[in-house]
Amino acid sequence: DIPNAVDNKFEFPDAPKRSMKISDAFFADKELIELSKAEGRISGTIAGRYPPGIPVVAWGEIINNDIIEYLSKYYDKCFGIKNKMINCVMER
């Protein structure tokens, strides 16, 4: 059931905007947030679909609606989310 890269094209959401440095987000305090409520939050992880294994959001990037829809659509094939929860930088 693994797509052939030559025969299939993967769709990706537009790249999210960066809000903070990767290192700052990586080492920041985090909290698990329901994916459906994560819009506007800063990602504290990398998340994407496998295959192909390319993250659609990374540390320090702002989670937008396109990212949420993509990860929700492919939830059963995603990494970086669990039980429809995603790590986000804790708000101050």
N, C-alpha and C. Protein backbone atom coordinates (compact mmCIF):
# COMPACT_ATOMS: atom_id res chain seq x y z
N ASP A 1 0.82 -1.20 0.00
CA ASP A 1 0.00 0.00 0.00
C ASP A 1 0.86 1.27 0.00
N ILE A 2 2.17 1.12 -0.17
CA ILE A 2 3.05 2.28 -0.22
C ILE A 2 3.04 2.84 -1.64
N PRO A 3 2.72 4.13 -1.77
CA PRO A 3 2.65 4.72 -3.11
C PRO A 3 4.01 4.72 -3.80
N ASN A 4 3.99 4.55 -5.09
CA ASN A 4 5.18 4.64 -5.90
C ASN A 4 5.41 6.13 -6.18
N ALA A 5 6.58 6.62 -5.83
CA ALA A 5 6.87 8.06 -5.96
C ALA A 5 6.75 8.54 -7.40
N VAL A 6 6.95 7.67 -8.35
CA VAL A 6 6.86 8.06 -9.76
C VAL A 6 5.40 8.19 -10.19
N ASP A 7 4.56 7.31 -9.68
CA ASP A 7 3.16 7.27 -10.10
C ASP A 7 2.24 8.18 -9.29
N ASN A 8 2.63 8.52 -8.07
CA ASN A 8 1.76 9.29 -7.19
C ASN A 8 2.42 10.59 -6.77
N LYS A 9 1.59 11.60 -6.63
CA LYS A 9 2.08 12.87 -6.12
C LYS A 9 1.47 13.08 -4.75
N PHE A 10 2.31 13.53 -3.83
CA PHE A 10 1.82 13.85 -2.50
C PHE A 10 1.44 15.32 -2.47
N GLU A 11 0.33 15.60 -1.84
CA GLU A 11 -0.09 16.99 -1.67
C GLU A 11 0.37 17.46 -0.30
N PHE A 12 0.83 18.69 -0.24
CA PHE A 12 1.27 19.27 1.02
C PHE A 12 0.60 20.62 1.22
N PRO A 13 0.33 20.96 2.48
CA PRO A 13 -0.17 22.32 2.74
C PRO A 13 0.97 23.32 2.53
N ASP A 14 0.62 24.58 2.38
CA ASP A 14 1.64 25.62 2.27
C ASP A 14 2.50 25.63 3.54
N ALA A 15 3.74 26.01 3.38
CA ALA A 15 4.65 26.07 4.52
C ALA A 15 4.16 27.07 5.56
N PRO A 16 4.17 26.68 6.82
CA PRO A 16 3.71 27.61 7.87
C PRO A 16 4.74 28.69 8.15
N LYS A 17 4.30 29.75 8.81
CA LYS A 17 5.21 30.85 9.17
C LYS A 17 5.95 30.48 10.46
N ARG A 18 7.18 30.92 10.54
CA ARG A 18 8.00 30.68 11.73
C ARG A 18 7.74 31.80 12.73
N SER A 19 7.59 31.42 14.00
CA SER A 19 7.32 32.38 15.05
C SER A 19 8.51 32.53 16.00
N MET A 20 9.31 31.46 16.13
CA MET A 20 10.47 31.51 17.01
C MET A 20 11.56 30.59 16.49
N LYS A 21 12.77 30.76 16.98
CA LYS A 21 13.87 29.93 16.55
C LYS A 21 13.60 28.47 16.90
N ILE A 22 14.09 27.58 16.03
CA ILE A 22 13.92 26.15 16.25
C ILE A 22 14.44 25.74 17.62
N SER A 23 15.62 26.20 17.97
CA SER A 23 16.22 25.80 19.25
C SER A 23 15.40 26.30 20.44
N ASP A 24 14.85 27.50 20.34
CA ASP A 24 14.02 28.03 21.43
C ASP A 24 12.75 27.19 21.60
N ALA A 25 12.14 26.83 20.48
CA ALA A 25 10.92 26.02 20.55
C ALA A 25 11.22 24.59 21.01
N PHE A 26 12.35 24.06 20.58
CA PHE A 26 12.73 22.70 20.95
C PHE A 26 12.90 22.58 22.46
N PHE A 27 13.54 23.58 23.09
CA PHE A 27 13.83 23.52 24.52
C PHE A 27 12.75 24.18 25.39
N ALA A 28 11.74 24.78 24.79
CA ALA A 28 10.68 25.45 25.55
C ALA A 28 9.79 24.43 26.26
N ASP A 29 9.11 24.90 27.31
CA ASP A 29 8.09 24.08 27.95
C ASP A 29 6.96 23.86 26.96
N LYS A 30 6.40 22.67 26.98
CA LYS A 30 5.36 22.31 26.01
C LYS A 30 4.13 21.77 26.71
N GLU A 31 3.04 21.76 25.96
CA GLU A 31 1.80 21.15 26.44
C GLU A 31 1.12 20.47 25.27
N LEU A 32 0.43 19.37 25.56
CA LEU A 32 -0.33 18.68 24.52
C LEU A 32 -1.65 19.40 24.30
N ILE A 33 -1.94 19.66 23.04
CA ILE A 33 -3.16 20.37 22.65
C ILE A 33 -3.90 19.51 21.64
N GLU A 34 -5.22 19.48 21.75
CA GLU A 34 -6.01 18.78 20.73
C GLU A 34 -5.71 19.41 19.38
N LEU A 35 -5.46 18.57 18.41
CA LEU A 35 -5.13 19.05 17.07
C LEU A 35 -6.17 20.04 16.56
N SER A 36 -7.43 19.75 16.80
CA SER A 36 -8.51 20.61 16.30
C SER A 36 -8.52 22.00 16.96
N LYS A 37 -7.80 22.16 18.08
CA LYS A 37 -7.76 23.44 18.79
C LYS A 37 -6.39 24.10 18.73
N ALA A 38 -5.51 23.61 17.85
CA ALA A 38 -4.13 24.07 17.83
C ALA A 38 -3.87 25.23 16.86
N GLU A 39 -4.89 25.69 16.17
CA GLU A 39 -4.67 26.78 15.21
C GLU A 39 -4.12 28.01 15.93
N GLY A 40 -3.04 28.56 15.36
CA GLY A 40 -2.42 29.75 15.94
C GLY A 40 -1.37 29.45 16.99
N ARG A 41 -1.27 28.20 17.41
CA ARG A 41 -0.29 27.82 18.42
C ARG A 41 1.07 27.57 17.76
N ILE A 42 2.13 27.65 18.55
CA ILE A 42 3.48 27.41 18.06
C ILE A 42 3.82 25.94 18.27
N SER A 43 4.25 25.29 17.20
CA SER A 43 4.57 23.87 17.28
C SER A 43 5.79 23.62 18.15
N GLY A 44 5.67 22.59 18.98
CA GLY A 44 6.77 22.15 19.82
C GLY A 44 7.30 20.81 19.37
N THR A 45 7.03 20.44 18.12
CA THR A 45 7.43 19.15 17.58
C THR A 45 7.51 19.24 16.06
N ILE A 46 7.85 18.13 15.44
CA ILE A 46 7.68 18.02 14.00
C ILE A 46 6.54 17.03 13.77
N ALA A 47 5.78 17.26 12.74
CA ALA A 47 4.65 16.38 12.42
C ALA A 47 4.44 16.36 10.92
N GLY A 48 4.04 15.20 10.43
CA GLY A 48 3.79 15.05 9.00
C GLY A 48 3.24 13.68 8.70
N ARG A 49 3.16 13.38 7.45
CA ARG A 49 2.61 12.11 6.97
C ARG A 49 3.74 11.18 6.56
N TYR A 50 3.56 9.89 6.84
CA TYR A 50 4.52 8.89 6.39
C TYR A 50 3.79 7.77 5.68
N PRO A 51 4.13 7.39 4.45
CA PRO A 51 5.11 8.10 3.65
C PRO A 51 4.57 9.45 3.16
N PRO A 52 5.38 10.34 2.79
CA PRO A 52 6.79 10.30 2.45
C PRO A 52 7.73 10.61 3.61
N GLY A 53 7.21 11.00 4.77
CA GLY A 53 8.08 11.27 5.91
C GLY A 53 8.61 12.68 5.98
N ILE A 54 7.97 13.59 5.27
CA ILE A 54 8.39 14.99 5.27
C ILE A 54 7.49 15.76 6.24
N PRO A 55 8.09 16.44 7.23
CA PRO A 55 7.25 17.23 8.16
C PRO A 55 6.52 18.36 7.44
N VAL A 56 5.31 18.61 7.87
CA VAL A 56 4.55 19.76 7.35
C VAL A 56 4.55 20.90 8.35
N VAL A 57 5.01 20.62 9.57
CA VAL A 57 5.19 21.65 10.59
C VAL A 57 6.37 21.23 11.45
N ALA A 58 7.14 22.21 11.89
CA ALA A 58 8.33 21.93 12.71
C ALA A 58 8.36 22.88 13.91
N TRP A 59 9.34 22.65 14.78
CA TRP A 59 9.48 23.46 15.99
C TRP A 59 9.51 24.94 15.64
N GLY A 60 8.72 25.71 16.35
CA GLY A 60 8.72 27.16 16.19
C GLY A 60 7.82 27.70 15.11
N GLU A 61 7.16 26.82 14.36
CA GLU A 61 6.26 27.27 13.30
C GLU A 61 4.83 27.37 13.82
N ILE A 62 4.07 28.28 13.25
CA ILE A 62 2.69 28.49 13.67
C ILE A 62 1.79 27.48 12.97
N ILE A 63 1.03 26.75 13.76
CA ILE A 63 0.10 25.76 13.23
C ILE A 63 -1.11 26.50 12.66
N ASN A 64 -1.38 26.28 11.39
CA ASN A 64 -2.52 26.95 10.76
C ASN A 64 -3.60 25.91 10.40
N ASN A 65 -4.71 26.39 9.91
CA ASN A 65 -5.84 25.52 9.59
C ASN A 65 -5.50 24.49 8.52
N ASP A 66 -4.68 24.88 7.53
CA ASP A 66 -4.29 23.93 6.48
C ASP A 66 -3.50 22.76 7.07
N ILE A 67 -2.62 23.05 8.03
CA ILE A 67 -1.84 22.00 8.70
C ILE A 67 -2.78 21.08 9.47
N ILE A 68 -3.72 21.67 10.20
CA ILE A 68 -4.67 20.88 10.99
C ILE A 68 -5.49 19.97 10.09
N GLU A 69 -6.00 20.51 8.99
CA GLU A 69 -6.80 19.70 8.06
C GLU A 69 -5.96 18.56 7.46
N TYR A 70 -4.73 18.85 7.09
CA TYR A 70 -3.85 17.84 6.50
C TYR A 70 -3.56 16.73 7.50
N LEU A 71 -3.16 17.09 8.72
CA LEU A 71 -2.84 16.08 9.73
C LEU A 71 -4.08 15.30 10.15
N SER A 72 -5.22 15.94 10.15
CA SER A 72 -6.47 15.24 10.48
C SER A 72 -6.86 14.27 9.37
N LYS A 73 -6.69 14.70 8.14
CA LYS A 73 -7.06 13.86 6.98
C LYS A 73 -6.22 12.59 6.94
N TYR A 74 -4.94 12.71 7.25
CA TYR A 74 -4.02 11.56 7.18
C TYR A 74 -3.60 11.06 8.56
N TYR A 75 -4.43 11.29 9.55
CA TYR A 75 -4.09 10.99 10.94
C TYR A 75 -3.48 9.61 11.13
N ASP A 76 -4.07 8.60 10.50
CA ASP A 76 -3.60 7.22 10.71
C ASP A 76 -2.23 6.97 10.08
N LYS A 77 -1.72 7.92 9.29
CA LYS A 77 -0.41 7.77 8.65
C LYS A 77 0.56 8.86 9.10
N CYS A 78 0.26 9.53 10.21
CA CYS A 78 1.07 10.67 10.64
C CYS A 78 2.05 10.32 11.75
N PHE A 79 3.12 11.08 11.78
CA PHE A 79 4.05 11.05 12.90
C PHE A 79 4.01 12.42 13.57
N GLY A 80 4.35 12.46 14.86
CA GLY A 80 4.38 13.72 15.58
C GLY A 80 3.08 14.08 16.26
N ILE A 81 2.04 13.30 16.04
CA ILE A 81 0.78 13.49 16.76
C ILE A 81 0.34 12.14 17.31
N LYS A 82 -0.32 12.18 18.45
CA LYS A 82 -0.79 10.95 19.07
C LYS A 82 -2.12 11.23 19.73
N ASN A 83 -3.06 10.34 19.51
CA ASN A 83 -4.42 10.51 20.05
C ASN A 83 -5.01 11.87 19.66
N LYS A 84 -4.66 12.31 18.43
CA LYS A 84 -5.13 13.59 17.89
C LYS A 84 -4.70 14.77 18.76
N MET A 85 -3.51 14.64 19.37
CA MET A 85 -2.92 15.70 20.20
C MET A 85 -1.56 16.04 19.59
N ILE A 86 -1.17 17.31 19.72
CA ILE A 86 0.13 17.76 19.22
C ILE A 86 0.82 18.60 20.29
N ASN A 87 2.13 18.45 20.39
CA ASN A 87 2.92 19.25 21.33
C ASN A 87 3.03 20.67 20.83
N CYS A 88 2.68 21.62 21.69
CA CYS A 88 2.80 23.03 21.35
C CYS A 88 3.61 23.71 22.45
N VAL A 89 4.26 24.80 22.07
CA VAL A 89 4.99 25.60 23.05
C VAL A 89 3.96 26.17 24.03
N MET A 90 4.28 26.04 25.31
CA MET A 90 3.36 26.53 26.34
C MET A 90 3.23 28.04 26.24
N GLU A 91 2.00 28.51 26.29
CA GLU A 91 1.76 29.95 26.23
C GLU A 91 2.11 30.58 27.56
N ARG A 92 2.62 31.79 27.50
CA ARG A 92 3.01 32.49 28.73
C ARG A 92 1.93 33.38 29.24
